[in-house]
Amino acid sequence: MKKIITSAFALLITLFAGAQTTLTTTSAIGYTSSFNQASSATAAMVPIGITGNGVTWNCATLTPDAAIPTIHLTVSSPVGTTYAADYPNANWYFTDPALVALLGHHYYKLTADSMVLYGEHTTGNSYEIYQDPEMDIPFPFSLGDIDTNSYSKTNYNSSGSVSSYQTGTTIISYIGFGTLVLPQASYADVALIKNERSNSLGPTTVSYTWIKVSTGEKLLIYETNGGIKVNYVSSTASGIANYERVPMNLFPNPAENELNIHLSTNQSTTVLVKNILGQPVLQTTLTDVVSKVDISTLPSGVYFLEMKGQEQCNYGTRFMKH
């Protein structure tokens, strides 16, 4: 993945510095959420032309396509999955376990500075393996930034023979920040990301993705590859990615050697830290409203923090370690 241009529009960043617009990571291992594909009539009404700061995208009239089943997206570690050996650099994987024959296997790598695609594989169909991965989104990524990257991959027939080689470029632009209204809920703190993808075998395609900044959760995806297709989240996320009710503050974030945790209660609380593979790396019990947790032994990267109090309520958030 060769990066050509990054972080343009510095003046815009200065103007928007007061808003919490920066994306720093994406959905965690253990995240699950349900998506519907919108009917063609309502998909065309998604307001992709609304950009800027403090805007509202009203998509409340989206209706599901009755012919397409609801997708229950599950994010997990690729270890032990069907095609993990083909994507040894991946550490982030998603599919719908009940619809894997339709959705396929998707392999990514999540680091502190990016999310990149290493390939997709559907059993019995053609598939792809990237030699130079394709940028999905860089971190940190702020309103007004543009990031341009090249990629290369090999396409295979279902038999495993090579069908073609492909190269291309992605231009990813952070073009909007505001509130997204979907049929079931309104979401504040949402980023709009535009992705222009060129490739050596076909035309340039454009997609738009609305992302919850505080969690990295993708809420709405608008694609123009072979016609307009829109997928939108149709239920509240579950697992540790449900951050709306988190009764704590972490600071600083990113952190170096010490993480301060400010709870909204002084009840005894168990804190578990996991790495991006979902593996526990640190556990401690907090008894004060403000506590300090030593993270000096952890390698640099993205971590997920889960907590459980005496009321048996589970919460989660994430932080970055320098």
C-alpha atoms as a PDB file:
ATOM      1  CA  MET A   1       0.000   0.000   0.000  1.00  0.00           C
ATOM      2  CA  LYS A   2       1.844   3.046  -1.259  1.00  0.00           C
ATOM      3  CA  LYS A   3       0.674   6.313   0.215  1.00  0.00           C
ATOM      4  CA  ILE A   4       0.827   9.185  -2.264  1.00  0.00           C
ATOM      5  CA  ILE A   5      -0.903  12.106  -0.553  1.00  0.00           C
ATOM      6  CA  THR A   6      -2.129  12.524   3.006  1.00  0.00           C
ATOM      7  CA  SER A   7      -3.836  15.067   5.208  1.00  0.00           C
ATOM      8  CA  ALA A   8      -4.727  17.807   2.757  1.00  0.00           C
ATOM      9  CA  PHE A   9      -6.853  20.889   3.499  1.00  0.00           C
ATOM     10  CA  ALA A  10      -4.862  21.941   6.577  1.00  0.00           C
ATOM     11  CA  LEU A  11      -6.754  25.234   6.643  1.00  0.00           C
ATOM     12  CA  LEU A  12     -10.071  23.423   6.998  1.00  0.00           C
ATOM     13  CA  ILE A  13      -8.683  21.384   9.879  1.00  0.00           C
ATOM     14  CA  THR A  14      -7.792  24.593  11.683  1.00  0.00           C
ATOM     15  CA  LEU A  15     -11.288  25.959  11.150  1.00  0.00           C
ATOM     16  CA  PHE A  16     -12.915  22.774  12.467  1.00  0.00           C
ATOM     17  CA  ALA A  17     -10.507  22.219  15.359  1.00  0.00           C
ATOM     18  CA  GLY A  18     -13.211  22.909  17.940  1.00  0.00           C
ATOM     19  CA  ALA A  19     -15.361  19.965  16.827  1.00  0.00           C
ATOM     20  CA  GLN A  20     -14.751  16.355  17.854  1.00  0.00           C
ATOM     21  CA  THR A  21     -14.464  15.205  14.260  1.00  0.00           C
ATOM     22  CA  THR A  22     -11.396  12.953  14.218  1.00  0.00           C
ATOM     23  CA  LEU A  23     -11.674   9.218  13.511  1.00  0.00           C
ATOM     24  CA  THR A  24      -9.078   7.204  15.426  1.00  0.00           C
ATOM     25  CA  THR A  25     -10.147   3.555  15.038  1.00  0.00           C
ATOM     26  CA  THR A  26     -12.911   1.242  13.852  1.00  0.00           C
ATOM     27  CA  SER A  27     -15.265  -1.374  15.296  1.00  0.00           C
ATOM     28  CA  ALA A  28     -13.803  -3.774  17.828  1.00  0.00           C
ATOM     29  CA  ILE A  29     -13.321  -7.519  17.823  1.00  0.00           C
ATOM     30  CA  GLY A  30     -16.537  -8.890  19.314  1.00  0.00           C
ATOM     31  CA  TYR A  31     -18.731  -6.287  17.634  1.00  0.00           C
ATOM     32  CA  THR A  32     -22.052  -7.379  16.146  1.00  0.00           C
ATOM     33  CA  SER A  33     -24.701  -5.370  14.322  1.00  0.00           C
ATOM     34  CA  SER A  34     -27.605  -5.918  11.932  1.00  0.00           C
ATOM     35  CA  PHE A  35     -27.827  -4.344   8.463  1.00  0.00           C
ATOM     36  CA  ASN A  36     -30.606  -4.115   5.907  1.00  0.00           C
ATOM     37  CA  GLN A  37     -30.187  -3.428   2.216  1.00  0.00           C
ATOM     38  CA  ALA A  38     -32.410  -0.531   1.223  1.00  0.00           C
ATOM     39  CA  SER A  39     -35.002  -0.850  -1.517  1.00  0.00           C
ATOM     40  CA  SER A  40     -33.906   0.687  -4.806  1.00  0.00           C
ATOM     41  CA  ALA A  41     -36.556   3.413  -4.614  1.00  0.00           C
ATOM     42  CA  THR A  42     -35.394   4.682  -1.223  1.00  0.00           C
ATOM     43  CA  ALA A  43     -31.665   4.062  -1.784  1.00  0.00           C
ATOM     44  CA  ALA A  44     -31.587   6.733  -4.479  1.00  0.00           C
ATOM     45  CA  MET A  45     -32.748   9.333  -1.946  1.00  0.00           C
ATOM     46  CA  VAL A  46     -29.678   9.121   0.321  1.00  0.00           C
ATOM     47  CA  PRO A  47     -28.300  12.709   0.421  1.00  0.00           C
ATOM     48  CA  ILE A  48     -24.692  12.124  -0.615  1.00  0.00           C
ATOM     49  CA  GLY A  49     -24.380  15.761  -1.709  1.00  0.00           C
ATOM     50  CA  ILE A  50     -24.709  17.185   1.815  1.00  0.00           C
ATOM     51  CA  THR A  51     -21.189  17.943   3.103  1.00  0.00           C
ATOM     52  CA  GLY A  52     -19.470  20.195   5.626  1.00  0.00           C
ATOM     53  CA  ASN A  53     -19.556  20.601   9.395  1.00  0.00           C
ATOM     54  CA  GLY A  54     -22.666  20.396  11.577  1.00  0.00           C
ATOM     55  CA  VAL A  55     -24.940  19.017   8.854  1.00  0.00           C
ATOM     56  CA  THR A  56     -27.862  16.583   9.026  1.00  0.00           C
ATOM     57  CA  TRP A  57     -28.453  13.640   6.703  1.00  0.00           C
ATOM     58  CA  ASN A  58     -32.103  12.611   6.845  1.00  0.00           C
ATOM     59  CA  CYS A  59     -32.460   8.975   5.766  1.00  0.00           C
ATOM     60  CA  ALA A  60     -35.505   8.193   7.900  1.00  0.00           C
ATOM     61  CA  THR A  61     -37.494   7.042   4.861  1.00  0.00           C
ATOM     62  CA  LEU A  62     -35.191   4.133   3.996  1.00  0.00           C
ATOM     63  CA  THR A  63     -37.064   0.855   3.708  1.00  0.00           C
ATOM     64  CA  PRO A  64     -35.558  -2.644   3.454  1.00  0.00           C
ATOM     65  CA  ASP A  65     -35.510  -4.660   0.249  1.00  0.00           C
ATOM     66  CA  ALA A  66     -37.860  -7.550   1.013  1.00  0.00           C
ATOM     67  CA  ALA A  67     -35.851  -9.881  -1.237  1.00  0.00           C
ATOM     68  CA  ILE A  68     -32.583  -9.381   0.687  1.00  0.00           C
ATOM     69  CA  PRO A  69     -32.160 -10.981   4.143  1.00  0.00           C
ATOM     70  CA  THR A  70     -30.989  -8.927   7.103  1.00  0.00           C
ATOM     71  CA  ILE A  71     -27.219  -9.268   7.570  1.00  0.00           C
ATOM     72  CA  HIS A  72     -26.007  -9.837  11.124  1.00  0.00           C
ATOM     73  CA  LEU A  73     -22.442  -8.592  10.870  1.00  0.00           C
ATOM     74  CA  THR A  74     -19.950 -10.187  13.269  1.00  0.00           C
ATOM     75  CA  VAL A  75     -16.372  -8.982  13.737  1.00  0.00           C
ATOM     76  CA  SER A  76     -13.852 -11.479  15.106  1.00  0.00           C
ATOM     77  CA  SER A  77     -10.244 -12.581  14.949  1.00  0.00           C
ATOM     78  CA  PRO A  78      -9.355 -14.375  11.679  1.00  0.00           C
ATOM     79  CA  VAL A  79      -7.500 -17.092  13.603  1.00  0.00           C
ATOM     80  CA  GLY A  80      -9.089 -20.442  12.798  1.00  0.00           C
ATOM     81  CA  THR A  81     -11.349 -19.111  10.028  1.00  0.00           C
ATOM     82  CA  THR A  82     -11.677 -21.002   6.737  1.00  0.00           C
ATOM     83  CA  TYR A  83      -9.189 -19.000   4.639  1.00  0.00           C
ATOM     84  CA  ALA A  84      -6.936 -17.523   7.327  1.00  0.00           C
ATOM     85  CA  ALA A  85      -3.838 -19.122   5.769  1.00  0.00           C
ATOM     86  CA  ASP A  86      -4.358 -17.065   2.596  1.00  0.00           C
ATOM     87  CA  TYR A  87      -4.314 -13.818   4.591  1.00  0.00           C
ATOM     88  CA  PRO A  88      -1.536 -14.212   7.200  1.00  0.00           C
ATOM     89  CA  ASN A  89      -1.262 -10.448   7.801  1.00  0.00           C
ATOM     90  CA  ALA A  90      -4.944 -10.030   8.729  1.00  0.00           C
ATOM     91  CA  ASN A  91      -6.043  -9.512  12.336  1.00  0.00           C
ATOM     92  CA  TRP A  92      -9.671  -8.380  11.783  1.00  0.00           C
ATOM     93  CA  TYR A  93     -12.344 -10.486  10.077  1.00  0.00           C
ATOM     94  CA  PHE A  94     -16.057 -10.161   9.419  1.00  0.00           C
ATOM     95  CA  THR A  95     -18.946 -12.167   8.023  1.00  0.00           C
ATOM     96  CA  ASP A  96     -22.469 -13.240   8.901  1.00  0.00           C
ATOM     97  CA  PRO A  97     -22.128 -16.804  10.248  1.00  0.00           C
ATOM     98  CA  ALA A  98     -25.617 -17.656   8.966  1.00  0.00           C
ATOM     99  CA  LEU A  99     -25.070 -16.101   5.529  1.00  0.00           C
ATOM    100  CA  VAL A 100     -21.402 -16.869   4.937  1.00  0.00           C
ATOM    101  CA  ALA A 101     -22.193 -18.513   1.576  1.00  0.00           C
ATOM    102  CA  LEU A 102     -23.678 -15.190   0.451  1.00  0.00           C
ATOM    103  CA  LEU A 103     -21.527 -12.623   2.272  1.00  0.00           C
ATOM    104  CA  GLY A 104     -18.208 -14.499   2.185  1.00  0.00           C
ATOM    105  CA  HIS A 105     -15.110 -14.040   4.316  1.00  0.00           C
ATOM    106  CA  HIS A 106     -13.533 -10.571   4.624  1.00  0.00           C
ATOM    107  CA  TYR A 107      -9.976 -10.147   5.912  1.00  0.00           C
ATOM    108  CA  TYR A 108      -8.500  -6.841   7.127  1.00  0.00           C
ATOM    109  CA  LYS A 109      -5.619  -5.554   9.191  1.00  0.00           C
ATOM    110  CA  LEU A 110      -6.300  -2.975  11.895  1.00  0.00           C
ATOM    111  CA  THR A 111      -3.390  -0.962  13.301  1.00  0.00           C
ATOM    112  CA  ALA A 112      -3.047   2.325  15.154  1.00  0.00           C
ATOM    113  CA  ASP A 113      -2.733   4.241  11.860  1.00  0.00           C
ATOM    114  CA  SER A 114      -5.013   2.452   9.392  1.00  0.00           C
ATOM    115  CA  MET A 115      -7.525  -0.206   8.440  1.00  0.00           C
ATOM    116  CA  VAL A 116      -6.537  -2.033   5.228  1.00  0.00           C
ATOM    117  CA  LEU A 117      -8.126  -4.810   3.160  1.00  0.00           C
ATOM    118  CA  TYR A 118      -6.161  -7.999   2.431  1.00  0.00           C
ATOM    119  CA  GLY A 119      -8.898  -9.818   0.541  1.00  0.00           C
ATOM    120  CA  GLU A 120     -12.298 -11.446   0.315  1.00  0.00           C
ATOM    121  CA  HIS A 121     -13.125 -15.095  -0.313  1.00  0.00           C
ATOM    122  CA  THR A 122     -16.473 -16.811  -0.914  1.00  0.00           C
ATOM    123  CA  THR A 123     -16.412 -20.599  -1.021  1.00  0.00           C
ATOM    124  CA  GLY A 124     -16.931 -21.941  -4.548  1.00  0.00           C
ATOM    125  CA  ASN A 125     -16.493 -18.528  -6.175  1.00  0.00           C
ATOM    126  CA  SER A 126     -13.626 -16.445  -7.500  1.00  0.00           C
ATOM    127  CA  TYR A 127     -11.610 -14.621  -4.837  1.00  0.00           C
ATOM    128  CA  GLU A 128      -8.796 -12.123  -4.318  1.00  0.00           C
ATOM    129  CA  ILE A 129      -5.568 -11.791  -2.347  1.00  0.00           C
ATOM    130  CA  TYR A 130      -3.860  -8.401  -2.022  1.00  0.00           C
ATOM    131  CA  GLN A 131      -0.086  -8.149  -2.257  1.00  0.00           C
ATOM    132  CA  ASP A 132      -0.263  -4.415  -1.509  1.00  0.00           C
ATOM    133  CA  PRO A 133      -3.384  -3.972   0.655  1.00  0.00           C
ATOM    134  CA  GLU A 134      -6.161  -1.548  -0.142  1.00  0.00           C
ATOM    135  CA  MET A 135      -6.718   1.337   2.295  1.00  0.00           C
ATOM    136  CA  ASP A 136     -10.122   1.254   3.971  1.00  0.00           C
ATOM    137  CA  ILE A 137      -9.513   4.236   6.250  1.00  0.00           C
ATOM    138  CA  PRO A 138      -6.473   5.952   7.805  1.00  0.00           C
ATOM    139  CA  PHE A 139      -6.170   7.067  11.462  1.00  0.00           C
ATOM    140  CA  PRO A 140      -6.259   9.698  12.733  1.00  0.00           C
ATOM    141  CA  PHE A 141      -8.523  11.141  10.033  1.00  0.00           C
ATOM    142  CA  SER A 142     -10.073  14.586  10.467  1.00  0.00           C
ATOM    143  CA  LEU A 143     -12.676  16.641   8.670  1.00  0.00           C
ATOM    144  CA  GLY A 144     -11.202  17.998   5.428  1.00  0.00           C
ATOM    145  CA  ASP A 145      -8.424  15.383   5.143  1.00  0.00           C
ATOM    146  CA  ILE A 146      -7.731  13.522   1.881  1.00  0.00           C
ATOM    147  CA  ASP A 147      -5.694  10.317   1.729  1.00  0.00           C
ATOM    148  CA  THR A 148      -4.547   8.754  -1.568  1.00  0.00           C
ATOM    149  CA  ASN A 149      -3.081   5.238  -1.753  1.00  0.00           C
ATOM    150  CA  SER A 150      -2.233   2.619  -4.360  1.00  0.00           C
ATOM    151  CA  TYR A 151      -2.963  -1.106  -4.132  1.00  0.00           C
ATOM    152  CA  SER A 152      -2.300  -4.327  -6.041  1.00  0.00           C
ATOM    153  CA  LYS A 153      -3.910  -7.742  -5.908  1.00  0.00           C
ATOM    154  CA  THR A 154      -4.225 -11.096  -7.641  1.00  0.00           C
ATOM    155  CA  ASN A 155      -7.651 -12.360  -8.681  1.00  0.00           C
ATOM    156  CA  TYR A 156      -8.227 -16.125  -8.666  1.00  0.00           C
ATOM    157  CA  ASN A 157     -10.778 -18.417 -10.269  1.00  0.00           C
ATOM    158  CA  SER A 158     -12.759 -20.692  -7.960  1.00  0.00           C
ATOM    159  CA  SER A 159     -10.353 -23.510  -8.890  1.00  0.00           C
ATOM    160  CA  GLY A 160      -7.419 -21.533  -7.498  1.00  0.00           C
ATOM    161  CA  SER A 161      -5.868 -20.606 -10.836  1.00  0.00           C
ATOM    162  CA  VAL A 162      -4.937 -16.968 -11.480  1.00  0.00           C
ATOM    163  CA  SER A 163      -7.501 -15.047 -13.543  1.00  0.00           C
ATOM    164  CA  SER A 164      -5.917 -11.580 -13.512  1.00  0.00           C
ATOM    165  CA  TYR A 165      -3.691  -9.073 -11.778  1.00  0.00           C
ATOM    166  CA  GLN A 166      -5.101  -5.741 -10.749  1.00  0.00           C
ATOM    167  CA  THR A 167      -3.703  -2.422  -9.551  1.00  0.00           C
ATOM    168  CA  GLY A 168      -5.461   0.773  -8.603  1.00  0.00           C
ATOM    169  CA  THR A 169      -5.765   3.847  -6.436  1.00  0.00           C
ATOM    170  CA  THR A 170      -8.130   4.921  -3.678  1.00  0.00           C
ATOM    171  CA  ILE A 171      -8.792   8.575  -2.852  1.00  0.00           C
ATOM    172  CA  ILE A 172     -10.439   8.756   0.566  1.00  0.00           C
ATOM    173  CA  SER A 173     -11.916  12.109   1.622  1.00  0.00           C
ATOM    174  CA  TYR A 174     -13.470  13.127   4.948  1.00  0.00           C
ATOM    175  CA  ILE A 175     -16.189  15.431   3.618  1.00  0.00           C
ATOM    176  CA  GLY A 176     -18.839  15.788   6.323  1.00  0.00           C
ATOM    177  CA  PHE A 177     -19.582  15.721  10.041  1.00  0.00           C
ATOM    178  CA  GLY A 178     -22.957  15.898  11.750  1.00  0.00           C
ATOM    179  CA  THR A 179     -26.124  13.936  12.522  1.00  0.00           C
ATOM    180  CA  LEU A 180     -27.451  10.914  10.626  1.00  0.00           C
ATOM    181  CA  VAL A 181     -31.158  10.102  10.890  1.00  0.00           C
ATOM    182  CA  LEU A 182     -32.059   6.476  10.144  1.00  0.00           C
ATOM    183  CA  PRO A 183     -35.492   4.827  10.409  1.00  0.00           C
ATOM    184  CA  GLN A 184     -34.874   3.453  13.910  1.00  0.00           C
ATOM    185  CA  ALA A 185     -32.730   6.194  15.483  1.00  0.00           C
ATOM    186  CA  SER A 186     -30.833   9.451  15.135  1.00  0.00           C
ATOM    187  CA  TYR A 187     -27.045   9.349  15.514  1.00  0.00           C
ATOM    188  CA  ALA A 188     -24.967  12.400  16.405  1.00  0.00           C
ATOM    189  CA  ASP A 189     -21.170  12.571  16.046  1.00  0.00           C
ATOM    190  CA  VAL A 190     -21.129  11.006  12.561  1.00  0.00           C
ATOM    191  CA  ALA A 191     -18.445  11.318   9.865  1.00  0.00           C
ATOM    192  CA  LEU A 192     -19.090  11.065   6.112  1.00  0.00           C
ATOM    193  CA  ILE A 193     -16.233   9.420   4.198  1.00  0.00           C
ATOM    194  CA  LYS A 194     -16.038   9.401   0.384  1.00  0.00           C
ATOM    195  CA  ASN A 195     -13.955   6.735  -1.392  1.00  0.00           C
ATOM    196  CA  GLU A 196     -13.095   7.037  -5.104  1.00  0.00           C
ATOM    197  CA  ARG A 197     -11.616   3.736  -6.296  1.00  0.00           C
ATOM    198  CA  SER A 198      -9.913   3.335  -9.651  1.00  0.00           C
ATOM    199  CA  ASN A 199      -8.598   0.024 -10.977  1.00  0.00           C
ATOM    200  CA  SER A 200      -6.720  -1.261 -13.999  1.00  0.00           C
ATOM    201  CA  LEU A 201      -9.543  -3.586 -15.108  1.00  0.00           C
ATOM    202  CA  GLY A 202     -12.570  -1.353 -14.933  1.00  0.00           C
ATOM    203  CA  PRO A 203     -14.148   2.023 -14.292  1.00  0.00           C
ATOM    204  CA  THR A 204     -13.725   4.202 -11.210  1.00  0.00           C
ATOM    205  CA  THR A 205     -16.380   3.579  -8.559  1.00  0.00           C
ATOM    206  CA  VAL A 206     -17.443   5.819  -5.687  1.00  0.00           C
ATOM    207  CA  SER A 207     -18.755   4.891  -2.249  1.00  0.00           C
ATOM    208  CA  TYR A 208     -19.893   6.906   0.763  1.00  0.00           C
ATOM    209  CA  THR A 209     -19.762   5.655   4.345  1.00  0.00           C
ATOM    210  CA  TRP A 210     -21.265   7.252   7.445  1.00  0.00           C
ATOM    211  CA  ILE A 211     -19.296   6.320  10.576  1.00  0.00           C
ATOM    212  CA  LYS A 212     -19.978   6.945  14.258  1.00  0.00           C
ATOM    213  CA  VAL A 213     -16.830   8.836  15.282  1.00  0.00           C
ATOM    214  CA  SER A 214     -16.761   7.760  18.941  1.00  0.00           C
ATOM    215  CA  THR A 215     -16.976   4.034  18.151  1.00  0.00           C
ATOM    216  CA  GLY A 216     -15.884   3.512  14.545  1.00  0.00           C
ATOM    217  CA  GLU A 217     -19.228   1.808  13.855  1.00  0.00           C
ATOM    218  CA  LYS A 218     -20.327   1.970  10.203  1.00  0.00           C
ATOM    219  CA  LEU A 219     -23.947   3.105  10.071  1.00  0.00           C
ATOM    220  CA  LEU A 220     -24.712   3.597   6.380  1.00  0.00           C
ATOM    221  CA  ILE A 221     -22.884   2.534   3.209  1.00  0.00           C
ATOM    222  CA  TYR A 222     -23.746   3.874  -0.272  1.00  0.00           C
ATOM    223  CA  GLU A 223     -21.997   2.146  -3.208  1.00  0.00           C
ATOM    224  CA  THR A 224     -22.064   2.780  -6.963  1.00  0.00           C
ATOM    225  CA  ASN A 225     -20.322  -0.360  -8.227  1.00  0.00           C
ATOM    226  CA  GLY A 226     -22.714  -1.811 -10.824  1.00  0.00           C
ATOM    227  CA  GLY A 227     -25.600   0.394  -9.688  1.00  0.00           C
ATOM    228  CA  ILE A 228     -26.604   2.040  -6.427  1.00  0.00           C
ATOM    229  CA  LYS A 229     -26.622  -0.211  -3.365  1.00  0.00           C
ATOM    230  CA  VAL A 230     -27.301   1.074   0.152  1.00  0.00           C
ATOM    231  CA  ASN A 231     -26.883  -0.870   3.399  1.00  0.00           C
ATOM    232  CA  TYR A 232     -27.885   0.686   6.709  1.00  0.00           C
ATOM    233  CA  VAL A 233     -27.672  -0.418  10.325  1.00  0.00           C
ATOM    234  CA  SER A 234     -31.090  -1.636  11.433  1.00  0.00           C
ATOM    235  CA  SER A 235     -30.533  -2.238  15.139  1.00  0.00           C
ATOM    236  CA  THR A 236     -28.479  -0.976  18.036  1.00  0.00           C
ATOM    237  CA  ALA A 237     -25.013  -2.520  18.104  1.00  0.00           C
ATOM    238  CA  SER A 238     -24.321  -5.203  20.690  1.00  0.00           C
ATOM    239  CA  GLY A 239     -21.237  -6.428  22.493  1.00  0.00           C
ATOM    240  CA  ILE A 240     -18.429  -4.098  23.533  1.00  0.00           C
ATOM    241  CA  ALA A 241     -19.147  -1.762  20.631  1.00  0.00           C
ATOM    242  CA  ASN A 242     -22.243  -0.339  22.369  1.00  0.00           C
ATOM    243  CA  TYR A 243     -20.550   2.790  23.661  1.00  0.00           C
ATOM    244  CA  GLU A 244     -23.512   5.097  24.059  1.00  0.00           C
ATOM    245  CA  ARG A 245     -23.978   4.153  27.723  1.00  0.00           C
ATOM    246  CA  VAL A 246     -20.361   4.109  28.844  1.00  0.00           C
ATOM    247  CA  PRO A 247     -20.323   5.547  32.423  1.00  0.00           C
ATOM    248  CA  MET A 248     -16.639   6.463  32.400  1.00  0.00           C
ATOM    249  CA  ASN A 249     -14.035   8.737  30.899  1.00  0.00           C
ATOM    250  CA  LEU A 250     -10.520   7.715  29.845  1.00  0.00           C
ATOM    251  CA  PHE A 251      -7.661  10.197  29.643  1.00  0.00           C
ATOM    252  CA  PRO A 252      -5.284  10.814  28.087  1.00  0.00           C
ATOM    253  CA  ASN A 253      -6.248   8.992  24.912  1.00  0.00           C
ATOM    254  CA  PRO A 254      -3.878   8.170  23.241  1.00  0.00           C
ATOM    255  CA  ALA A 255      -1.904   7.283  26.381  1.00  0.00           C
ATOM    256  CA  GLU A 256       1.703   6.306  27.028  1.00  0.00           C
ATOM    257  CA  ASN A 257       2.450   4.701  30.403  1.00  0.00           C
ATOM    258  CA  GLU A 258      -0.619   5.477  32.473  1.00  0.00           C
ATOM    259  CA  LEU A 259      -4.350   5.547  31.814  1.00  0.00           C
ATOM    260  CA  ASN A 260      -6.669   7.573  34.048  1.00  0.00           C
ATOM    261  CA  ILE A 261     -10.177   6.168  34.442  1.00  0.00           C
ATOM    262  CA  HIS A 262     -12.910   8.430  35.824  1.00  0.00           C
ATOM    263  CA  LEU A 263     -16.032   6.452  36.790  1.00  0.00           C
ATOM    264  CA  SER A 264     -19.490   7.849  37.398  1.00  0.00           C
ATOM    265  CA  THR A 265     -19.757   5.675  40.511  1.00  0.00           C
ATOM    266  CA  ASN A 266     -17.427   4.425  43.247  1.00  0.00           C
ATOM    267  CA  GLN A 267     -18.711   0.857  43.180  1.00  0.00           C
ATOM    268  CA  SER A 268     -16.120  -1.888  42.772  1.00  0.00           C
ATOM    269  CA  THR A 269     -15.527  -2.328  39.049  1.00  0.00           C
ATOM    270  CA  THR A 270     -13.563  -4.998  37.166  1.00  0.00           C
ATOM    271  CA  VAL A 271     -11.660  -3.702  34.159  1.00  0.00           C
ATOM    272  CA  LEU A 272     -10.407  -6.015  31.397  1.00  0.00           C
ATOM    273  CA  VAL A 273      -8.137  -4.788  28.574  1.00  0.00           C
ATOM    274  CA  LYS A 274      -7.991  -6.749  25.302  1.00  0.00           C
ATOM    275  CA  ASN A 275      -5.800  -6.354  22.228  1.00  0.00           C
ATOM    276  CA  ILE A 276      -7.168  -6.086  18.683  1.00  0.00           C
ATOM    277  CA  LEU A 277      -7.316  -9.902  18.444  1.00  0.00           C
ATOM    278  CA  GLY A 278      -9.693  -9.937  21.403  1.00  0.00           C
ATOM    279  CA  GLN A 279      -7.065 -11.491  23.706  1.00  0.00           C
ATOM    280  CA  PRO A 280      -7.006 -10.349  27.370  1.00  0.00           C
ATOM    281  CA  VAL A 281      -3.741  -8.547  28.195  1.00  0.00           C
ATOM    282  CA  LEU A 282      -4.518  -6.820  31.500  1.00  0.00           C
ATOM    283  CA  GLN A 283      -7.126  -7.050  34.255  1.00  0.00           C
ATOM    284  CA  THR A 284      -7.587  -4.983  37.398  1.00  0.00           C
ATOM    285  CA  THR A 285     -10.250  -3.943  39.916  1.00  0.00           C
ATOM    286  CA  LEU A 286     -11.099  -0.290  40.508  1.00  0.00           C
ATOM    287  CA  THR A 287     -12.628   0.941  43.773  1.00  0.00           C
ATOM    288  CA  ASP A 288     -12.312   4.719  43.417  1.00  0.00           C
ATOM    289  CA  VAL A 289     -14.073   7.249  41.231  1.00  0.00           C
ATOM    290  CA  VAL A 290     -10.710   8.221  39.717  1.00  0.00           C
ATOM    291  CA  SER A 291      -8.076   5.504  39.251  1.00  0.00           C
ATOM    292  CA  LYS A 292      -4.750   5.166  37.469  1.00  0.00           C
ATOM    293  CA  VAL A 293      -3.956   2.012  35.508  1.00  0.00           C
ATOM    294  CA  ASP A 294      -0.362   1.152  34.555  1.00  0.00           C
ATOM    295  CA  ILE A 295      -0.183   0.271  30.843  1.00  0.00           C
ATOM    296  CA  SER A 296       3.565   0.761  30.432  1.00  0.00           C
ATOM    297  CA  THR A 297       4.151  -2.922  29.614  1.00  0.00           C
ATOM    298  CA  LEU A 298       1.660  -2.959  26.723  1.00  0.00           C
ATOM    299  CA  PRO A 299       3.007  -2.596  23.156  1.00  0.00           C
ATOM    300  CA  SER A 300       1.846   0.367  21.097  1.00  0.00           C
ATOM    301  CA  GLY A 301      -1.523  -0.166  19.426  1.00  0.00           C
ATOM    302  CA  VAL A 302      -5.310  -0.094  19.768  1.00  0.00           C
ATOM    303  CA  TYR A 303      -6.907  -1.706  22.840  1.00  0.00           C
ATOM    304  CA  PHE A 304     -10.457  -2.394  23.982  1.00  0.00           C
ATOM    305  CA  LEU A 305     -11.459  -1.864  27.597  1.00  0.00           C
ATOM    306  CA  GLU A 306     -14.402  -3.707  29.120  1.00  0.00           C
ATOM    307  CA  MET A 307     -15.817  -3.122  32.582  1.00  0.00           C
ATOM    308  CA  LYS A 308     -18.339  -4.840  34.833  1.00  0.00           C
ATOM    309  CA  GLY A 309     -19.731  -3.355  38.048  1.00  0.00           C
ATOM    310  CA  GLN A 310     -21.668  -4.819  40.949  1.00  0.00           C
ATOM    311  CA  GLU A 311     -24.897  -4.154  39.066  1.00  0.00           C
ATOM    312  CA  GLN A 312     -23.699  -6.661  36.430  1.00  0.00           C
ATOM    313  CA  CYS A 313     -23.795  -4.018  33.696  1.00  0.00           C
ATOM    314  CA  ASN A 314     -21.223  -4.429  30.945  1.00  0.00           C
ATOM    315  CA  TYR A 315     -19.706  -1.465  29.132  1.00  0.00           C
ATOM    316  CA  GLY A 316     -16.902  -0.998  26.671  1.00  0.00           C
ATOM    317  CA  THR A 317     -14.706   1.605  25.076  1.00  0.00           C
ATOM    318  CA  ARG A 318     -11.315   1.764  23.397  1.00  0.00           C
ATOM    319  CA  PHE A 319      -8.045   3.586  23.704  1.00  0.00           C
ATOM    320  CA  MET A 320      -4.748   3.900  21.882  1.00  0.00           C
ATOM    321  CA  LYS A 321      -1.323   3.246  23.422  1.00  0.00           C
ATOM    322  CA  HIS A 322       1.644   5.210  22.021  1.00  0.00           C
END
